[in-house]
């Protein structure tokens, strides 16, 4: 028989039950068909990583702020590209009107 896999949600639920101390570790282990050592390991891992819950939210806020700044910059750049494209098309049109069909040769413009 292969190893059983448990979701993070399941482990969290069991560890929180364990932390409530309403049941003994052996009782809780038997109830969920787990080893008491497994529960001790999960509890240890849970408590060791608990501080990350609060620091992670700060990191997530920083990431969201960076994403927002990048989105704003991208929007500005896309607007600039659009504006430059319009200006470039207008200049080509006017050059053709003023200099004639061979405006590219006369102006030294190269594609």
Protein backbone atom coordinates (compact mmCIF):
# COMPACT_ATOMS: atom_id res chain seq x y z
CA UNK A 1 0.00 0.00 0.00
CA UNK A 2 1.39 3.45 -1.00
CA UNK A 3 1.78 6.47 1.19
CA UNK A 4 -1.31 8.52 1.82
CA UNK A 5 -1.23 12.15 0.79
CA UNK A 6 -2.92 14.83 2.83
CA UNK A 7 -3.95 18.30 1.73
CA UNK A 8 -2.68 21.38 3.50
CA UNK A 9 -6.27 22.12 4.55
CA UNK A 10 -6.63 18.69 6.18
CA UNK A 11 -3.32 19.01 8.02
CA UNK A 12 -4.25 22.49 9.23
CA UNK A 13 -7.62 21.27 10.48
CA UNK A 14 -6.01 18.42 12.43
CA UNK A 15 -3.26 20.61 13.90
CA UNK A 16 -5.80 23.22 14.99
CA UNK A 17 -7.80 20.48 16.71
CA UNK A 18 -4.59 19.35 18.38
CA UNK A 19 -3.79 22.90 19.54
CA UNK A 20 -7.24 23.25 21.13
CA UNK A 21 -6.17 20.42 23.47
CA UNK A 22 -9.72 19.11 23.71
CA UNK A 23 -8.48 15.62 22.82
CA UNK A 24 -5.28 13.75 23.57
CA UNK A 25 -2.85 13.30 20.68
CA UNK A 26 -3.42 9.52 20.69
CA UNK A 27 -7.17 9.96 20.60
CA UNK A 28 -6.99 12.41 17.71
CA UNK A 29 -4.53 10.16 15.85
CA UNK A 30 -6.80 7.12 16.24
CA UNK A 31 -9.84 9.11 15.16
CA UNK A 32 -8.15 10.04 11.86
CA UNK A 33 -6.14 6.82 11.48
CA UNK A 34 -2.84 8.66 11.79
CA UNK A 35 0.31 8.09 13.75
CA UNK A 36 0.79 10.27 16.86
CA UNK A 37 4.32 10.97 15.58
CA UNK A 38 2.84 12.23 12.32
CA UNK A 39 0.64 14.64 14.28
CA UNK A 40 3.63 15.81 16.32
CA UNK A 41 5.57 16.46 13.10
CA UNK A 42 2.67 18.41 11.58
CA UNK A 43 2.27 20.45 14.75
CA UNK A 44 6.00 21.23 14.85
CA UNK A 45 6.02 22.26 11.18
CA UNK A 46 2.88 24.35 11.67
CA UNK A 47 4.32 26.25 14.63
CA UNK A 48 7.69 26.78 12.94
CA UNK A 49 5.99 28.34 9.92
CA UNK A 50 3.36 30.35 11.80
CA UNK A 51 5.33 33.67 11.64
CA UNK A 52 5.25 33.50 7.83
CA UNK A 53 1.50 33.99 7.90
CA UNK A 54 1.96 37.58 9.03
CA UNK A 55 5.10 38.38 7.07
CA UNK A 56 3.62 36.84 3.94
CA UNK A 57 0.75 39.31 3.92
CA UNK A 58 3.31 42.15 3.93
CA UNK A 59 5.14 40.50 1.02
CA UNK A 60 1.88 40.04 -0.84
CA UNK A 61 1.04 43.73 -0.37
CA UNK A 62 4.46 44.68 -1.74
CA UNK A 63 3.98 42.37 -4.73
CA UNK A 64 0.53 43.84 -5.44
CA UNK A 65 1.98 47.36 -5.26
CA UNK A 66 4.75 46.38 -7.68
CA UNK A 67 2.23 44.76 -10.04
CA UNK A 68 0.06 47.88 -9.93
CA UNK A 69 3.06 50.10 -10.69
CA UNK A 70 4.08 47.86 -13.59
CA UNK A 71 0.51 47.87 -14.96
CA UNK A 72 0.42 51.66 -14.78
CA UNK A 73 3.80 51.91 -16.50
CA UNK A 74 2.66 49.48 -19.20
CA UNK A 75 -0.51 51.51 -19.75
CA UNK A 76 1.53 54.71 -20.08
CA UNK A 77 3.95 53.06 -22.50
CA UNK A 78 1.13 51.65 -24.62
CA UNK A 79 -0.44 55.10 -24.78
CA UNK A 80 2.91 56.56 -25.82
CA UNK A 81 3.35 53.92 -28.53
CA UNK A 82 -0.14 54.71 -29.79
CA UNK A 83 0.57 58.43 -29.84
CA UNK A 84 3.90 57.95 -31.64
CA UNK A 85 2.28 55.65 -34.19
CA UNK A 86 -0.36 58.28 -34.95
CA UNK A 87 2.30 60.99 -35.24
CA UNK A 88 4.48 58.80 -37.47
CA UNK A 89 1.57 57.97 -39.78
CA UNK A 90 0.63 61.67 -39.96
CA UNK A 91 4.22 62.64 -40.82
CA UNK A 92 4.39 60.01 -43.57
CA UNK A 93 1.12 61.26 -45.02
CA UNK A 94 2.22 64.91 -44.94
CA UNK A 95 5.65 64.06 -46.35
CA UNK A 96 3.98 62.32 -49.27
CA UNK A 97 1.72 65.36 -49.84
CA UNK A 98 4.56 67.88 -49.66
CA UNK A 99 7.44 65.96 -51.26
CA UNK A 100 5.48 63.74 -53.63
CA UNK A 101 5.33 60.01 -54.14
CA UNK A 102 9.10 59.57 -53.88
CA UNK A 103 9.20 61.40 -50.51
CA UNK A 104 11.20 58.53 -48.96
CA UNK A 105 14.07 59.10 -51.37
CA UNK A 106 13.98 62.87 -51.04
CA UNK A 107 13.80 62.81 -47.23
CA UNK A 108 16.40 60.07 -46.74
CA UNK A 109 13.83 57.99 -44.86
CA UNK A 110 14.63 54.30 -44.77
CA UNK A 111 12.17 51.63 -43.74
